[in-house]
Amino acid sequence: MKNLAAIGIATIALVGFWGVAHASEKHLFYVHGCCVKDKNDPKVKAYEEIVQELKNSGFNVVFELRTADIGDSDAGAQAYAKKIAEQVQALSAKGTPPENITVAGYSLGSMTALVASGLVNNPKVNFVLLAGCPINPAIKVNIDYSRVKGRILSITDTKDERFGSCNGKLPDGTTHKEIVLNSGEGHAAFRLTDKKILKLWKDPLVEWSTNK
């Protein structure tokens, strides 16, 4: 049943994606973190609120709920990174400028975004790593940092013991900016819906995605 629920939600997301995609829009792929048990998991509501906030900021948001049995593994992350890359490339083929495309991911989603960046292979596509690069992640994902490409914004929190700085990991010449938050919430800061905390990372994401 978990698989059917996830597939149903994914289908809705993709239909929305293909139905409303226009070259002049700002497109954002939002990839959530790990450990979502099913569609009734409290995290789901939080992620849906975050997605709505991103839509309110002017993005055409592609969001696919992936339960733990589907996504919480290296194989799951690699497969989803490939899927995202294919969707980004499809947008480009339709005439969307790479500057109008952003892939943002939190925790496991951040690692997925890093893998996707190498597959997209376009230095002008925007990537936002919510929590930054993995230090001691709950789930290990094989990331070939030498292949990472794009405009990389890494946002970390001072109390996060699982993810941190990407300095020294990205290829030379990569367009890269780091922002360090002091929210007091650590790794969880990027999935909380408190307006003040959400604003701490959402505003830089919006700014980065508009190439400012």
N, C-alpha and C. Protein backbone atom coordinates (compact mmCIF):
# COMPACT_ATOMS: atom_id res chain seq x y z
N MET A 1 0.82 -1.22 0.00
CA MET A 1 0.00 0.00 0.00
C MET A 1 0.85 1.26 0.00
N LYS A 2 2.01 1.17 0.68
CA LYS A 2 2.89 2.34 0.70
C LYS A 2 3.32 2.69 -0.71
N ASN A 3 3.69 1.66 -1.49
CA ASN A 3 4.14 1.90 -2.84
C ASN A 3 3.05 2.55 -3.67
N LEU A 4 1.81 2.06 -3.54
CA LEU A 4 0.70 2.60 -4.31
C LEU A 4 0.43 4.05 -3.94
N ALA A 5 0.51 4.36 -2.64
CA ALA A 5 0.27 5.73 -2.20
C ALA A 5 1.31 6.67 -2.77
N ALA A 6 2.58 6.23 -2.69
CA ALA A 6 3.66 7.08 -3.19
C ALA A 6 3.55 7.28 -4.68
N ILE A 7 3.23 6.19 -5.40
CA ILE A 7 3.13 6.29 -6.85
C ILE A 7 1.99 7.22 -7.25
N GLY A 8 0.86 7.15 -6.50
CA GLY A 8 -0.26 8.02 -6.81
C GLY A 8 0.09 9.48 -6.65
N ILE A 9 0.76 9.82 -5.56
CA ILE A 9 1.17 11.20 -5.32
C ILE A 9 2.18 11.64 -6.36
N ALA A 10 3.09 10.74 -6.69
CA ALA A 10 4.10 11.07 -7.70
C ALA A 10 3.45 11.38 -9.04
N THR A 11 2.45 10.59 -9.41
CA THR A 11 1.78 10.81 -10.69
C THR A 11 1.14 12.18 -10.75
N ILE A 12 0.50 12.57 -9.66
CA ILE A 12 -0.13 13.90 -9.60
C ILE A 12 0.92 14.99 -9.78
N ALA A 13 2.05 14.82 -9.11
CA ALA A 13 3.12 15.82 -9.19
C ALA A 13 3.63 15.94 -10.62
N LEU A 14 3.83 14.80 -11.29
CA LEU A 14 4.39 14.84 -12.63
C LEU A 14 3.39 15.36 -13.65
N VAL A 15 2.12 15.03 -13.49
CA VAL A 15 1.11 15.58 -14.39
C VAL A 15 1.09 17.09 -14.26
N GLY A 16 1.15 17.58 -13.01
CA GLY A 16 1.20 19.02 -12.81
C GLY A 16 2.42 19.63 -13.45
N PHE A 17 3.54 18.94 -13.35
CA PHE A 17 4.80 19.42 -13.92
C PHE A 17 4.69 19.57 -15.43
N TRP A 18 4.27 18.50 -16.10
CA TRP A 18 4.21 18.56 -17.55
C TRP A 18 3.09 19.47 -18.04
N GLY A 19 2.04 19.62 -17.26
CA GLY A 19 0.91 20.41 -17.70
C GLY A 19 1.14 21.90 -17.63
N VAL A 20 1.98 22.37 -16.71
CA VAL A 20 2.10 23.81 -16.52
C VAL A 20 3.49 24.36 -16.83
N ALA A 21 4.37 23.51 -17.30
CA ALA A 21 5.74 23.97 -17.55
C ALA A 21 5.78 24.96 -18.71
N HIS A 22 6.37 26.12 -18.46
CA HIS A 22 6.55 27.13 -19.50
C HIS A 22 7.97 27.68 -19.38
N ALA A 23 8.54 28.03 -20.51
CA ALA A 23 9.94 28.43 -20.54
C ALA A 23 10.23 29.64 -19.68
N SER A 24 9.27 30.56 -19.55
CA SER A 24 9.51 31.80 -18.82
C SER A 24 9.37 31.64 -17.31
N GLU A 25 8.87 30.51 -16.84
CA GLU A 25 8.65 30.32 -15.41
C GLU A 25 9.93 29.95 -14.68
N LYS A 26 9.89 30.14 -13.38
CA LYS A 26 10.95 29.65 -12.50
C LYS A 26 10.53 28.28 -11.99
N HIS A 27 11.31 27.27 -12.30
CA HIS A 27 10.98 25.90 -11.92
C HIS A 27 11.87 25.45 -10.76
N LEU A 28 11.26 24.79 -9.79
CA LEU A 28 12.01 24.32 -8.64
C LEU A 28 11.62 22.88 -8.31
N PHE A 29 12.62 22.01 -8.28
CA PHE A 29 12.43 20.63 -7.85
C PHE A 29 12.80 20.57 -6.37
N TYR A 30 11.84 20.23 -5.53
CA TYR A 30 12.09 20.15 -4.09
C TYR A 30 12.16 18.69 -3.68
N VAL A 31 13.29 18.29 -3.09
CA VAL A 31 13.51 16.89 -2.70
C VAL A 31 13.61 16.81 -1.17
N HIS A 32 12.67 16.12 -0.57
CA HIS A 32 12.61 16.07 0.89
C HIS A 32 13.61 15.08 1.48
N GLY A 33 13.67 15.04 2.80
CA GLY A 33 14.60 14.18 3.50
C GLY A 33 14.08 12.76 3.68
N CYS A 34 14.83 11.99 4.45
CA CYS A 34 14.53 10.57 4.62
C CYS A 34 13.44 10.31 5.65
N CYS A 35 13.18 9.04 5.79
CA CYS A 35 12.44 8.51 6.93
C CYS A 35 10.97 8.90 6.97
N VAL A 36 10.33 8.99 5.81
CA VAL A 36 8.89 9.21 5.74
C VAL A 36 8.22 7.83 5.71
N LYS A 37 7.49 7.49 6.75
CA LYS A 37 6.91 6.15 6.86
C LYS A 37 5.82 5.91 5.83
N ASP A 38 4.87 6.82 5.75
CA ASP A 38 3.76 6.71 4.80
C ASP A 38 3.13 8.09 4.65
N LYS A 39 2.03 8.17 3.92
CA LYS A 39 1.44 9.49 3.65
C LYS A 39 0.84 10.13 4.90
N ASN A 40 0.68 9.35 5.98
CA ASN A 40 0.16 9.90 7.23
C ASN A 40 1.25 10.34 8.20
N ASP A 41 2.49 10.17 7.81
CA ASP A 41 3.62 10.61 8.64
C ASP A 41 3.52 12.13 8.84
N PRO A 42 3.70 12.61 10.09
CA PRO A 42 3.63 14.07 10.35
C PRO A 42 4.58 14.89 9.49
N LYS A 43 5.69 14.28 9.04
CA LYS A 43 6.63 15.01 8.19
C LYS A 43 5.98 15.44 6.89
N VAL A 44 5.02 14.63 6.41
CA VAL A 44 4.41 14.92 5.11
C VAL A 44 3.72 16.28 5.13
N LYS A 45 2.97 16.55 6.18
CA LYS A 45 2.28 17.83 6.29
C LYS A 45 3.28 18.98 6.29
N ALA A 46 4.39 18.80 7.01
CA ALA A 46 5.41 19.85 7.06
C ALA A 46 5.99 20.10 5.67
N TYR A 47 6.32 19.02 4.95
CA TYR A 47 6.87 19.18 3.62
C TYR A 47 5.87 19.84 2.68
N GLU A 48 4.61 19.48 2.81
CA GLU A 48 3.59 20.10 1.96
C GLU A 48 3.46 21.59 2.25
N GLU A 49 3.59 21.97 3.51
CA GLU A 49 3.56 23.40 3.85
C GLU A 49 4.76 24.13 3.27
N ILE A 50 5.92 23.47 3.32
CA ILE A 50 7.13 24.07 2.75
C ILE A 50 6.96 24.25 1.24
N VAL A 51 6.43 23.24 0.59
CA VAL A 51 6.21 23.32 -0.86
C VAL A 51 5.26 24.47 -1.19
N GLN A 52 4.22 24.65 -0.40
CA GLN A 52 3.29 25.75 -0.64
C GLN A 52 3.99 27.09 -0.47
N GLU A 53 4.85 27.21 0.52
CA GLU A 53 5.61 28.45 0.71
C GLU A 53 6.49 28.74 -0.50
N LEU A 54 7.08 27.69 -1.07
CA LEU A 54 7.92 27.86 -2.26
C LEU A 54 7.07 28.27 -3.47
N LYS A 55 5.88 27.69 -3.58
CA LYS A 55 4.96 28.11 -4.64
C LYS A 55 4.57 29.57 -4.47
N ASN A 56 4.34 29.97 -3.23
CA ASN A 56 3.97 31.36 -2.95
C ASN A 56 5.09 32.33 -3.31
N SER A 57 6.32 31.80 -3.38
CA SER A 57 7.47 32.64 -3.75
C SER A 57 7.66 32.75 -5.25
N GLY A 58 6.75 32.13 -6.01
CA GLY A 58 6.77 32.31 -7.45
C GLY A 58 7.31 31.15 -8.27
N PHE A 59 7.55 30.01 -7.62
CA PHE A 59 8.09 28.87 -8.34
C PHE A 59 6.99 27.92 -8.82
N ASN A 60 7.22 27.31 -9.96
CA ASN A 60 6.48 26.13 -10.36
C ASN A 60 7.21 24.96 -9.70
N VAL A 61 6.63 24.40 -8.65
CA VAL A 61 7.33 23.42 -7.81
C VAL A 61 6.97 22.00 -8.21
N VAL A 62 8.00 21.19 -8.41
CA VAL A 62 7.83 19.76 -8.62
C VAL A 62 8.20 19.06 -7.32
N PHE A 63 7.24 18.36 -6.73
CA PHE A 63 7.46 17.70 -5.44
C PHE A 63 6.90 16.28 -5.52
N GLU A 64 7.71 15.31 -5.18
CA GLU A 64 7.28 13.92 -5.20
C GLU A 64 7.53 13.32 -3.82
N LEU A 65 6.48 12.88 -3.17
CA LEU A 65 6.61 12.22 -1.88
C LEU A 65 7.17 10.82 -2.07
N ARG A 66 8.28 10.56 -1.38
CA ARG A 66 8.94 9.26 -1.50
C ARG A 66 9.05 8.64 -0.11
N THR A 67 8.33 7.56 0.10
CA THR A 67 8.35 6.90 1.40
C THR A 67 9.66 6.11 1.56
N ALA A 68 9.95 5.75 2.81
CA ALA A 68 11.22 5.12 3.15
C ALA A 68 11.49 3.85 2.35
N ASP A 69 10.46 3.08 2.09
CA ASP A 69 10.66 1.82 1.38
C ASP A 69 11.03 2.03 -0.09
N ILE A 70 10.80 3.23 -0.60
CA ILE A 70 11.15 3.55 -1.99
C ILE A 70 12.48 4.30 -2.09
N GLY A 71 12.66 5.29 -1.22
CA GLY A 71 13.75 6.24 -1.43
C GLY A 71 14.93 6.18 -0.48
N ASP A 72 14.78 5.51 0.66
CA ASP A 72 15.81 5.62 1.70
C ASP A 72 16.93 4.60 1.53
N SER A 73 17.67 4.74 0.44
CA SER A 73 18.82 3.89 0.16
C SER A 73 19.66 4.57 -0.90
N ASP A 74 20.89 4.10 -1.07
CA ASP A 74 21.72 4.66 -2.13
C ASP A 74 21.07 4.42 -3.49
N ALA A 75 20.56 3.21 -3.70
CA ALA A 75 19.93 2.89 -4.99
C ALA A 75 18.73 3.79 -5.25
N GLY A 76 17.93 4.03 -4.20
CA GLY A 76 16.77 4.90 -4.35
C GLY A 76 17.16 6.32 -4.69
N ALA A 77 18.19 6.83 -4.01
CA ALA A 77 18.65 8.20 -4.27
C ALA A 77 19.24 8.33 -5.67
N GLN A 78 20.02 7.35 -6.08
CA GLN A 78 20.62 7.40 -7.41
C GLN A 78 19.55 7.38 -8.50
N ALA A 79 18.54 6.52 -8.32
CA ALA A 79 17.46 6.43 -9.31
C ALA A 79 16.67 7.72 -9.39
N TYR A 80 16.42 8.33 -8.23
CA TYR A 80 15.64 9.56 -8.23
C TYR A 80 16.46 10.73 -8.79
N ALA A 81 17.75 10.74 -8.52
CA ALA A 81 18.62 11.77 -9.10
C ALA A 81 18.59 11.69 -10.63
N LYS A 82 18.60 10.48 -11.15
CA LYS A 82 18.52 10.30 -12.60
C LYS A 82 17.20 10.81 -13.14
N LYS A 83 16.11 10.53 -12.42
CA LYS A 83 14.78 10.98 -12.84
C LYS A 83 14.72 12.51 -12.86
N ILE A 84 15.25 13.15 -11.82
CA ILE A 84 15.26 14.61 -11.76
C ILE A 84 16.07 15.18 -12.93
N ALA A 85 17.25 14.59 -13.17
CA ALA A 85 18.09 15.07 -14.26
C ALA A 85 17.36 14.98 -15.60
N GLU A 86 16.63 13.91 -15.80
CA GLU A 86 15.88 13.75 -17.05
C GLU A 86 14.79 14.82 -17.17
N GLN A 87 14.15 15.15 -16.06
CA GLN A 87 13.11 16.17 -16.08
C GLN A 87 13.71 17.56 -16.33
N VAL A 88 14.86 17.82 -15.73
CA VAL A 88 15.55 19.09 -15.97
C VAL A 88 15.94 19.21 -17.44
N GLN A 89 16.47 18.13 -17.98
CA GLN A 89 16.87 18.15 -19.39
C GLN A 89 15.67 18.29 -20.31
N ALA A 90 14.53 17.73 -19.90
CA ALA A 90 13.30 17.89 -20.69
C ALA A 90 12.84 19.34 -20.70
N LEU A 91 12.94 20.01 -19.55
CA LEU A 91 12.62 21.43 -19.49
C LEU A 91 13.53 22.24 -20.42
N SER A 92 14.81 21.91 -20.38
CA SER A 92 15.77 22.62 -21.24
C SER A 92 15.44 22.41 -22.71
N ALA A 93 15.04 21.19 -23.04
CA ALA A 93 14.70 20.87 -24.43
C ALA A 93 13.47 21.66 -24.90
N LYS A 94 12.61 22.03 -23.94
CA LYS A 94 11.43 22.82 -24.27
C LYS A 94 11.72 24.32 -24.33
N GLY A 95 12.98 24.68 -24.05
CA GLY A 95 13.37 26.08 -24.16
C GLY A 95 13.53 26.82 -22.86
N THR A 96 13.40 26.14 -21.73
CA THR A 96 13.58 26.81 -20.44
C THR A 96 15.06 27.10 -20.22
N PRO A 97 15.43 28.36 -19.97
CA PRO A 97 16.84 28.68 -19.69
C PRO A 97 17.31 27.97 -18.43
N PRO A 98 18.53 27.50 -18.39
CA PRO A 98 19.03 26.80 -17.20
C PRO A 98 18.97 27.66 -15.95
N GLU A 99 19.09 28.98 -16.12
CA GLU A 99 19.03 29.90 -14.98
C GLU A 99 17.67 29.89 -14.31
N ASN A 100 16.65 29.39 -15.01
CA ASN A 100 15.29 29.35 -14.47
C ASN A 100 14.95 28.01 -13.81
N ILE A 101 15.96 27.17 -13.64
CA ILE A 101 15.74 25.84 -13.06
C ILE A 101 16.56 25.70 -11.79
N THR A 102 15.91 25.28 -10.72
CA THR A 102 16.59 25.06 -9.44
C THR A 102 16.22 23.69 -8.91
N VAL A 103 17.23 22.98 -8.40
CA VAL A 103 17.01 21.72 -7.68
C VAL A 103 17.43 21.95 -6.24
N ALA A 104 16.47 21.83 -5.32
CA ALA A 104 16.75 22.05 -3.90
C ALA A 104 16.43 20.79 -3.12
N GLY A 105 17.33 20.39 -2.24
CA GLY A 105 17.08 19.18 -1.48
C GLY A 105 17.53 19.32 -0.04
N TYR A 106 16.80 18.64 0.84
CA TYR A 106 17.11 18.66 2.27
C TYR A 106 17.59 17.29 2.73
N SER A 107 18.74 17.25 3.40
CA SER A 107 19.28 16.02 4.00
C SER A 107 19.51 14.96 2.92
N LEU A 108 18.77 13.85 2.93
CA LEU A 108 18.89 12.88 1.85
C LEU A 108 18.64 13.56 0.51
N GLY A 109 17.74 14.53 0.50
CA GLY A 109 17.47 15.29 -0.71
C GLY A 109 18.65 16.13 -1.16
N SER A 110 19.44 16.61 -0.20
CA SER A 110 20.64 17.37 -0.53
C SER A 110 21.65 16.48 -1.25
N MET A 111 21.80 15.24 -0.76
CA MET A 111 22.71 14.30 -1.41
C MET A 111 22.19 13.91 -2.79
N THR A 112 20.88 13.75 -2.90
CA THR A 112 20.27 13.44 -4.19
C THR A 112 20.52 14.57 -5.18
N ALA A 113 20.40 15.81 -4.71
CA ALA A 113 20.65 16.97 -5.57
C ALA A 113 22.09 17.01 -6.06
N LEU A 114 23.03 16.65 -5.18
CA LEU A 114 24.44 16.62 -5.59
C LEU A 114 24.67 15.60 -6.69
N VAL A 115 24.07 14.43 -6.55
CA VAL A 115 24.19 13.41 -7.61
C VAL A 115 23.55 13.90 -8.89
N ALA A 116 22.37 14.51 -8.77
CA ALA A 116 21.65 15.01 -9.95
C ALA A 116 22.46 16.07 -10.68
N SER A 117 23.21 16.89 -9.94
CA SER A 117 23.98 17.96 -10.58
C SER A 117 24.99 17.40 -11.57
N GLY A 118 25.60 16.27 -11.21
CA GLY A 118 26.55 15.65 -12.12
C GLY A 118 25.88 15.08 -13.36
N LEU A 119 24.66 14.60 -13.21
CA LEU A 119 23.92 14.04 -14.34
C LEU A 119 23.36 15.13 -15.24
N VAL A 120 22.93 16.24 -14.65
CA VAL A 120 22.44 17.37 -15.44
C VAL A 120 23.60 17.98 -16.24
N ASN A 121 24.74 18.14 -15.56
CA ASN A 121 25.98 18.57 -16.22
C ASN A 121 25.84 19.92 -16.91
N ASN A 122 25.24 20.87 -16.19
CA ASN A 122 25.07 22.21 -16.74
C ASN A 122 25.49 23.23 -15.68
N PRO A 123 26.51 24.02 -15.94
CA PRO A 123 27.03 24.95 -14.93
C PRO A 123 26.08 26.09 -14.57
N LYS A 124 25.00 26.27 -15.36
CA LYS A 124 24.09 27.38 -15.11
C LYS A 124 22.83 27.00 -14.34
N VAL A 125 22.59 25.70 -14.15
CA VAL A 125 21.44 25.26 -13.37
C VAL A 125 21.73 25.49 -11.89
N ASN A 126 20.73 25.94 -11.14
CA ASN A 126 20.89 26.25 -9.73
C ASN A 126 20.63 25.01 -8.86
N PHE A 127 21.47 24.83 -7.84
CA PHE A 127 21.27 23.77 -6.86
C PHE A 127 21.37 24.38 -5.46
N VAL A 128 20.44 24.02 -4.59
CA VAL A 128 20.44 24.53 -3.22
C VAL A 128 20.47 23.32 -2.28
N LEU A 129 21.52 23.25 -1.48
CA LEU A 129 21.71 22.13 -0.54
C LEU A 129 21.27 22.59 0.83
N LEU A 130 20.10 22.14 1.24
CA LEU A 130 19.54 22.52 2.54
C LEU A 130 20.08 21.56 3.60
N ALA A 131 21.02 22.02 4.35
CA ALA A 131 21.82 21.29 5.35
C ALA A 131 23.24 21.11 4.85
N GLY A 132 23.49 21.33 3.57
CA GLY A 132 24.86 21.30 3.06
C GLY A 132 25.28 19.91 2.61
N CYS A 133 26.57 19.61 2.80
CA CYS A 133 27.15 18.33 2.39
C CYS A 133 27.20 17.36 3.59
N PRO A 134 27.04 16.06 3.33
CA PRO A 134 26.98 15.09 4.42
C PRO A 134 28.30 14.92 5.16
N ILE A 135 28.20 14.80 6.48
CA ILE A 135 29.34 14.48 7.34
C ILE A 135 29.11 13.11 7.97
N ASN A 136 27.95 12.94 8.56
CA ASN A 136 27.58 11.68 9.20
C ASN A 136 26.09 11.42 8.97
N PRO A 137 25.72 11.19 7.70
CA PRO A 137 24.30 11.07 7.37
C PRO A 137 23.70 9.76 7.87
N ALA A 138 22.39 9.77 8.06
CA ALA A 138 21.69 8.56 8.48
C ALA A 138 21.72 7.50 7.39
N ILE A 139 21.74 7.95 6.14
CA ILE A 139 21.78 7.05 4.99
C ILE A 139 22.95 7.46 4.11
N LYS A 140 23.78 6.50 3.76
CA LYS A 140 24.95 6.80 2.93
C LYS A 140 24.57 6.77 1.46
N VAL A 141 24.93 7.83 0.75
CA VAL A 141 24.71 7.92 -0.69
C VAL A 141 26.05 8.15 -1.36
N ASN A 142 26.32 7.39 -2.38
CA ASN A 142 27.59 7.51 -3.10
C ASN A 142 27.56 8.76 -3.98
N ILE A 143 28.36 9.75 -3.61
CA ILE A 143 28.42 11.02 -4.35
C ILE A 143 29.80 11.17 -4.97
N ASP A 144 29.86 11.31 -6.28
CA ASP A 144 31.11 11.58 -6.97
C ASP A 144 31.24 13.11 -7.07
N TYR A 145 31.92 13.69 -6.10
CA TYR A 145 32.03 15.15 -6.06
C TYR A 145 32.75 15.71 -7.28
N SER A 146 33.59 14.91 -7.92
CA SER A 146 34.32 15.41 -9.09
C SER A 146 33.38 15.72 -10.26
N ARG A 147 32.16 15.16 -10.21
CA ARG A 147 31.20 15.37 -11.30
C ARG A 147 30.20 16.49 -10.99
N VAL A 148 30.22 16.99 -9.78
CA VAL A 148 29.25 18.03 -9.40
C VAL A 148 29.42 19.26 -10.30
N LYS A 149 28.30 19.76 -10.79
CA LYS A 149 28.35 20.93 -11.67
C LYS A 149 27.07 21.74 -11.49
N GLY A 150 27.22 23.05 -11.55
CA GLY A 150 26.07 23.94 -11.41
C GLY A 150 26.40 25.09 -10.48
N ARG A 151 25.42 25.91 -10.22
CA ARG A 151 25.56 27.00 -9.26
C ARG A 151 25.09 26.45 -7.91
N ILE A 152 26.02 26.24 -7.00
CA ILE A 152 25.74 25.51 -5.77
C ILE A 152 25.65 26.46 -4.57
N LEU A 153 24.45 26.53 -3.98
CA LEU A 153 24.28 27.26 -2.72
C LEU A 153 24.12 26.22 -1.62
N SER A 154 24.98 26.31 -0.63
CA SER A 154 24.93 25.40 0.51
C SER A 154 24.54 26.19 1.76
N ILE A 155 23.45 25.76 2.40
CA ILE A 155 22.98 26.43 3.62
C ILE A 155 23.06 25.43 4.77
N THR A 156 23.82 25.76 5.79
CA THR A 156 24.02 24.85 6.91
C THR A 156 23.59 25.52 8.22
N ASP A 157 23.53 24.71 9.28
CA ASP A 157 23.21 25.23 10.60
C ASP A 157 24.33 24.87 11.56
N THR A 158 24.68 25.77 12.44
CA THR A 158 25.84 25.57 13.32
C THR A 158 25.70 24.36 14.23
N LYS A 159 24.48 23.97 14.56
CA LYS A 159 24.28 22.85 15.48
C LYS A 159 24.00 21.53 14.77
N ASP A 160 24.16 21.52 13.47
CA ASP A 160 23.94 20.29 12.70
C ASP A 160 25.18 19.42 12.79
N GLU A 161 25.04 18.21 13.33
CA GLU A 161 26.17 17.29 13.46
C GLU A 161 26.23 16.28 12.33
N ARG A 162 25.24 16.31 11.43
CA ARG A 162 25.17 15.32 10.36
C ARG A 162 25.56 15.88 8.99
N PHE A 163 25.34 17.17 8.80
CA PHE A 163 25.66 17.82 7.52
C PHE A 163 26.38 19.13 7.82
N GLY A 164 27.25 19.55 6.88
CA GLY A 164 27.99 20.78 7.12
C GLY A 164 28.55 21.37 5.83
N SER A 165 29.71 22.00 5.94
CA SER A 165 30.31 22.74 4.84
C SER A 165 30.65 21.83 3.66
N CYS A 166 30.53 22.42 2.45
CA CYS A 166 30.95 21.74 1.22
C CYS A 166 32.33 22.21 0.78
N ASN A 167 32.94 23.11 1.54
CA ASN A 167 34.25 23.63 1.16
C ASN A 167 35.26 22.50 1.05
N GLY A 168 36.02 22.52 -0.06
CA GLY A 168 37.03 21.51 -0.30
C GLY A 168 36.51 20.25 -0.96
N LYS A 169 35.19 20.14 -1.14
CA LYS A 169 34.61 18.95 -1.75
C LYS A 169 34.22 19.15 -3.21
N LEU A 170 33.91 20.38 -3.56
CA LEU A 170 33.41 20.66 -4.91
C LEU A 170 34.56 20.91 -5.88
N PRO A 171 34.37 20.65 -7.16
CA PRO A 171 35.44 20.86 -8.14
C PRO A 171 35.88 22.32 -8.21
N ASP A 172 37.13 22.54 -8.52
CA ASP A 172 37.64 23.89 -8.70
C ASP A 172 36.84 24.59 -9.80
N GLY A 173 36.55 25.86 -9.56
CA GLY A 173 35.81 26.65 -10.54
C GLY A 173 34.31 26.59 -10.40
N THR A 174 33.83 25.76 -9.47
CA THR A 174 32.38 25.69 -9.25
C THR A 174 31.87 26.98 -8.64
N THR A 175 30.77 27.50 -9.16
CA THR A 175 30.12 28.67 -8.56
C THR A 175 29.46 28.19 -7.26
N HIS A 176 29.98 28.68 -6.14
CA HIS A 176 29.57 28.10 -4.85
C HIS A 176 29.51 29.19 -3.78
N LYS A 177 28.41 29.16 -3.03
CA LYS A 177 28.26 30.07 -1.91
C LYS A 177 27.77 29.28 -0.71
N GLU A 178 28.27 29.65 0.48
CA GLU A 178 27.83 28.99 1.70
C GLU A 178 27.21 30.01 2.66
N ILE A 179 26.12 29.61 3.27
CA ILE A 179 25.46 30.41 4.29
C ILE A 179 25.31 29.56 5.54
N VAL A 180 25.70 30.10 6.67
CA VAL A 180 25.62 29.36 7.93
C VAL A 180 24.56 30.00 8.81
N LEU A 181 23.57 29.20 9.20
CA LEU A 181 22.50 29.67 10.08
C LEU A 181 22.83 29.35 11.53
N ASN A 182 22.23 30.12 12.41
CA ASN A 182 22.35 29.86 13.84
C ASN A 182 20.94 29.84 14.43
N SER A 183 20.13 28.92 13.90
CA SER A 183 18.71 28.87 14.28
C SER A 183 18.49 28.25 15.65
N GLY A 184 19.47 27.46 16.11
CA GLY A 184 19.31 26.73 17.35
C GLY A 184 18.63 25.38 17.18
N GLU A 185 18.21 25.08 15.93
CA GLU A 185 17.46 23.85 15.66
C GLU A 185 18.29 22.77 14.98
N GLY A 186 19.51 23.09 14.60
CA GLY A 186 20.37 22.10 13.98
C GLY A 186 19.82 21.56 12.67
N HIS A 187 19.97 20.25 12.47
CA HIS A 187 19.59 19.61 11.21
C HIS A 187 18.10 19.78 10.92
N ALA A 188 17.30 19.80 11.96
CA ALA A 188 15.84 19.87 11.80
C ALA A 188 15.35 21.21 11.29
N ALA A 189 16.21 22.22 11.31
CA ALA A 189 15.78 23.58 10.93
C ALA A 189 15.17 23.63 9.54
N PHE A 190 15.61 22.75 8.66
CA PHE A 190 15.21 22.83 7.26
C PHE A 190 13.91 22.08 6.96
N ARG A 191 13.31 21.49 7.99
CA ARG A 191 11.99 20.88 7.78
C ARG A 191 10.93 21.42 8.75
N LEU A 192 11.29 22.48 9.46
CA LEU A 192 10.33 23.12 10.34
C LEU A 192 9.53 24.16 9.57
N THR A 193 8.28 24.35 9.97
CA THR A 193 7.42 25.29 9.26
C THR A 193 7.23 26.61 9.99
N ASP A 194 7.91 26.77 11.10
CA ASP A 194 7.89 28.06 11.79
C ASP A 194 8.35 29.14 10.81
N LYS A 195 7.54 30.18 10.67
CA LYS A 195 7.78 31.19 9.64
C LYS A 195 9.16 31.84 9.74
N LYS A 196 9.57 32.13 10.97
CA LYS A 196 10.86 32.81 11.14
C LYS A 196 12.02 31.91 10.75
N ILE A 197 11.94 30.63 11.12
CA ILE A 197 13.02 29.71 10.77
C ILE A 197 13.01 29.39 9.28
N LEU A 198 11.82 29.18 8.73
CA LEU A 198 11.71 28.89 7.30
C LEU A 198 12.28 30.04 6.47
N LYS A 199 12.03 31.25 6.90
CA LYS A 199 12.50 32.43 6.18
C LYS A 199 14.03 32.49 6.12
N LEU A 200 14.69 31.93 7.14
CA LEU A 200 16.15 31.97 7.20
C LEU A 200 16.80 31.31 5.99
N TRP A 201 16.18 30.22 5.51
CA TRP A 201 16.76 29.56 4.34
C TRP A 201 15.97 29.82 3.06
N LYS A 202 14.69 30.14 3.19
CA LYS A 202 13.89 30.35 1.98
C LYS A 202 14.32 31.62 1.25
N ASP A 203 14.56 32.70 1.97
CA ASP A 203 14.95 33.95 1.32
C ASP A 203 16.25 33.80 0.52
N PRO A 204 17.31 33.18 1.10
CA PRO A 204 18.52 32.97 0.29
C PRO A 204 18.29 32.05 -0.91
N LEU A 205 17.42 31.04 -0.74
CA LEU A 205 17.10 30.15 -1.86
C LEU A 205 16.46 30.93 -3.00
N VAL A 206 15.50 31.79 -2.68
CA VAL A 206 14.83 32.58 -3.71
C VAL A 206 15.83 33.51 -4.39
N GLU A 207 16.65 34.14 -3.61
CA GLU A 207 17.65 35.05 -4.17
C GLU A 207 18.61 34.32 -5.10
N TRP A 208 19.08 33.15 -4.66
CA TRP A 208 20.02 32.37 -5.47
C TRP A 208 19.38 31.91 -6.77
N SER A 209 18.11 31.54 -6.67
CA SER A 209 17.40 31.00 -7.84
C SER A 209 17.04 32.07 -8.84
N THR A 210 17.13 33.32 -8.44
CA THR A 210 16.94 34.42 -9.39
C THR A 210 18.27 35.01 -9.81
N ASN A 211 19.34 34.24 -9.49
CA ASN A 211 20.69 34.57 -9.95
C ASN A 211 21.18 35.93 -9.47
N LYS A 212 20.86 36.23 -8.21
CA LYS A 212 21.34 37.49 -7.62
C LYS A 212 22.53 37.22 -6.72
